[in-house]
C-alpha atoms as a PDB file:
ATOM      1  CA  MET A   1       4.210  -5.886  -4.747  1.00  0.00           C
ATOM      2  CA  THR A   2       7.178  -6.961  -6.687  1.00  0.00           C
ATOM      3  CA  PHE A   3       9.784  -4.527  -8.151  1.00  0.00           C
ATOM      4  CA  ASP A   4      11.673  -4.064 -11.131  1.00  0.00           C
ATOM      5  CA  PRO A   5      15.115  -4.275  -8.569  1.00  0.00           C
ATOM      6  CA  GLN A   6      16.446  -0.869 -10.749  1.00  0.00           C
ATOM      7  CA  LYS A   7      13.515   0.697  -9.276  1.00  0.00           C
ATOM      8  CA  VAL A   8      13.089   0.549  -5.772  1.00  0.00           C
ATOM      9  CA  ASP A   9      14.416   3.617  -4.392  1.00  0.00           C
ATOM     10  CA  GLU A  10      11.911   5.383  -7.214  1.00  0.00           C
ATOM     11  CA  PHE A  11       9.330   3.013  -5.074  1.00  0.00           C
ATOM     12  CA  ILE A  12      10.790   3.926  -1.819  1.00  0.00           C
ATOM     13  CA  LYS A  13      10.174   8.240  -3.320  1.00  0.00           C
ATOM     14  CA  VAL A  14       6.599   7.468  -4.274  1.00  0.00           C
ATOM     15  CA  PHE A  15       5.584   5.609  -0.975  1.00  0.00           C
ATOM     16  CA  ASN A  16       7.981   8.585   1.055  1.00  0.00           C
ATOM     17  CA  HIS A  17       6.342  11.294  -0.776  1.00  0.00           C
ATOM     18  CA  SER A  18       2.821   9.825  -0.263  1.00  0.00           C
ATOM     19  CA  LYS A  19       2.648   8.094   2.984  1.00  0.00           C
ATOM     20  CA  LEU A  20       1.728  10.980   6.172  1.00  0.00           C
ATOM     21  CA  LYS A  21      -0.799  11.855   3.128  1.00  0.00           C
ATOM     22  CA  ILE A  22      -2.638   7.729   2.891  1.00  0.00           C
ATOM     23  CA  ALA A  23      -2.164   8.010   6.748  1.00  0.00           C
ATOM     24  CA  MET A  24      -3.870  10.641   7.526  1.00  0.00           C
ATOM     25  CA  PHE A  25      -6.807   9.627   5.247  1.00  0.00           C
ATOM     26  CA  SER A  26     -10.202   9.868   6.811  1.00  0.00           C
ATOM     27  CA  GLY A  27     -10.619   6.392   8.273  1.00  0.00           C
ATOM     28  CA  ASN A  28      -7.375   5.306   8.335  1.00  0.00           C
ATOM     29  CA  HIS A  29      -5.958   3.742  11.658  1.00  0.00           C
ATOM     30  CA  GLY A  30      -2.486   2.932  10.296  1.00  0.00           C
ATOM     31  CA  LEU A  31       0.303   2.305   7.439  1.00  0.00           C
ATOM     32  CA  LYS A  32       3.129   0.029   6.943  1.00  0.00           C
ATOM     33  CA  LEU A  33       5.721  -0.925   4.027  1.00  0.00           C
ATOM     34  CA  LEU A  34       7.178  -3.983   4.758  1.00  0.00           C
ATOM     35  CA  GLN A  35      10.087  -5.220   2.532  1.00  0.00           C
ATOM     36  CA  ASP A  36      10.588  -9.051   1.894  1.00  0.00           C
ATOM     37  CA  THR A  37      13.587 -10.759   4.405  1.00  0.00           C
ATOM     38  CA  GLN A  38      14.625 -12.754   0.850  1.00  0.00           C
ATOM     39  CA  SER A  39      14.040 -10.550  -2.097  1.00  0.00           C
ATOM     40  CA  SER A  40      14.980  -7.410  -1.501  1.00  0.00           C
ATOM     41  CA  ASN A  41      12.779  -5.832  -4.962  1.00  0.00           C
ATOM     42  CA  VAL A  42       9.254  -7.381  -3.134  1.00  0.00           C
ATOM     43  CA  PHE A  43       7.693  -5.164  -0.249  1.00  0.00           C
ATOM     44  CA  TYR A  44       3.397  -4.931   0.670  1.00  0.00           C
ATOM     45  CA  THR A  45       1.663  -2.313   2.266  1.00  0.00           C
ATOM     46  CA  TYR A  46      -0.151  -3.181   5.684  1.00  0.00           C
ATOM     47  CA  SER A  47      -2.980  -0.578   6.294  1.00  0.00           C
ATOM     48  CA  LEU A  48      -5.595  -0.991   8.246  1.00  0.00           C
ATOM     49  CA  TRP A  49      -8.729   0.729   8.082  1.00  0.00           C
ATOM     50  CA  GLN A  50     -11.810   1.876   9.795  1.00  0.00           C
ATOM     51  CA  ASP A  51     -14.481  -0.143   7.138  1.00  0.00           C
ATOM     52  CA  ASP A  52     -14.791  -0.610   4.020  1.00  0.00           C
ATOM     53  CA  ASP A  53     -16.795   2.157   3.049  1.00  0.00           C
ATOM     54  CA  SER A  54     -13.217   3.944   3.907  1.00  0.00           C
ATOM     55  CA  LEU A  55     -11.148   1.696   1.873  1.00  0.00           C
ATOM     56  CA  GLN A  56     -13.300   2.065  -0.916  1.00  0.00           C
ATOM     57  CA  ARG A  57     -12.995   6.076  -0.376  1.00  0.00           C
ATOM     58  CA  TYR A  58      -9.136   5.701  -0.864  1.00  0.00           C
ATOM     59  CA  ARG A  59      -9.127   4.084  -3.807  1.00  0.00           C
ATOM     60  CA  ARG A  60     -11.400   6.638  -5.325  1.00  0.00           C
ATOM     61  CA  SER A  61      -9.231   9.283  -3.920  1.00  0.00           C
ATOM     62  CA  ASP A  62      -6.810  11.559  -5.790  1.00  0.00           C
ATOM     63  CA  ILE A  63      -3.820  10.850  -3.537  1.00  0.00           C
ATOM     64  CA  PHE A  64      -4.734   7.064  -4.082  1.00  0.00           C
ATOM     65  CA  LYS A  65      -5.222   7.368  -7.886  1.00  0.00           C
ATOM     66  CA  THR A  66      -1.534   9.526  -8.443  1.00  0.00           C
ATOM     67  CA  THR A  67       0.348   7.239  -5.793  1.00  0.00           C
ATOM     68  CA  TRP A  68      -1.098   3.688  -7.959  1.00  0.00           C
ATOM     69  CA  ALA A  69       0.231   5.399 -11.469  1.00  0.00           C
ATOM     70  CA  ALA A  70       3.977   6.587 -10.214  1.00  0.00           C
ATOM     71  CA  THR A  71       3.275   2.787  -8.759  1.00  0.00           C
ATOM     72  CA  ARG A  72       2.271   0.540 -11.089  1.00  0.00           C
ATOM     73  CA  ILE A  73       4.500   1.656 -13.832  1.00  0.00           C
ATOM     74  CA  LEU A  74       8.046  -0.230 -11.294  1.00  0.00           C
ATOM     75  CA  PHE A  75       6.237  -3.202 -10.909  1.00  0.00           C
ATOM     76  CA  ILE A  76       7.759  -6.723 -13.116  1.00  0.00           C
ATOM     77  CA  ASP A  77       5.372  -8.885 -11.627  1.00  0.00           C
ATOM     78  CA  LYS A  78       1.462  -8.793 -11.323  1.00  0.00           C
ATOM     79  CA  PRO A  79       0.644  -6.974  -8.293  1.00  0.00           C
ATOM     80  CA  GLN A  80      -1.740  -8.923  -5.331  1.00  0.00           C
ATOM     81  CA  ALA A  81      -3.948  -7.089  -2.710  1.00  0.00           C
ATOM     82  CA  TYR A  82      -5.825  -8.621   0.028  1.00  0.00           C
ATOM     83  CA  SER A  83      -8.872  -7.204   1.961  1.00  0.00           C
ATOM     84  CA  THR A  84      -9.110  -8.920   5.594  1.00  0.00           C
ATOM     85  CA  ILE A  85     -11.011  -8.715   8.755  1.00  0.00           C
ATOM     86  CA  VAL A  86     -10.340  -8.537  12.159  1.00  0.00           C
ATOM     87  CA  ILE A  87     -12.088 -11.718  13.972  1.00  0.00           C
ATOM     88  CA  ASP A  88     -12.128 -10.766  18.123  1.00  0.00           C
ATOM     89  CA  ASN A  89     -14.495 -14.271  19.331  1.00  0.00           C
ATOM     90  CA  VAL A  90     -11.712 -16.900  18.229  1.00  0.00           C
ATOM     91  CA  LYS A  91     -12.193 -19.400  20.645  1.00  0.00           C
END
């Protein structure tokens, strides 16, 4: 997520206000906020979900809707999201 440099502190406040609620959401097994080493206004969230159903329930939740509404107005570039799966049997 790329933020207006003048809005980074505001984003940090939004994230800090929401992070415990997100981390405690049913099916969430971890949440991290990462900051780019080259561009201090670029952030990544990393969350680990039990399964896709848990992630989709979160995306339909009030906490997501509220957090997203407060976050998206701070962007200066289109955000990107990726979903992945763990492959345990790599040879």
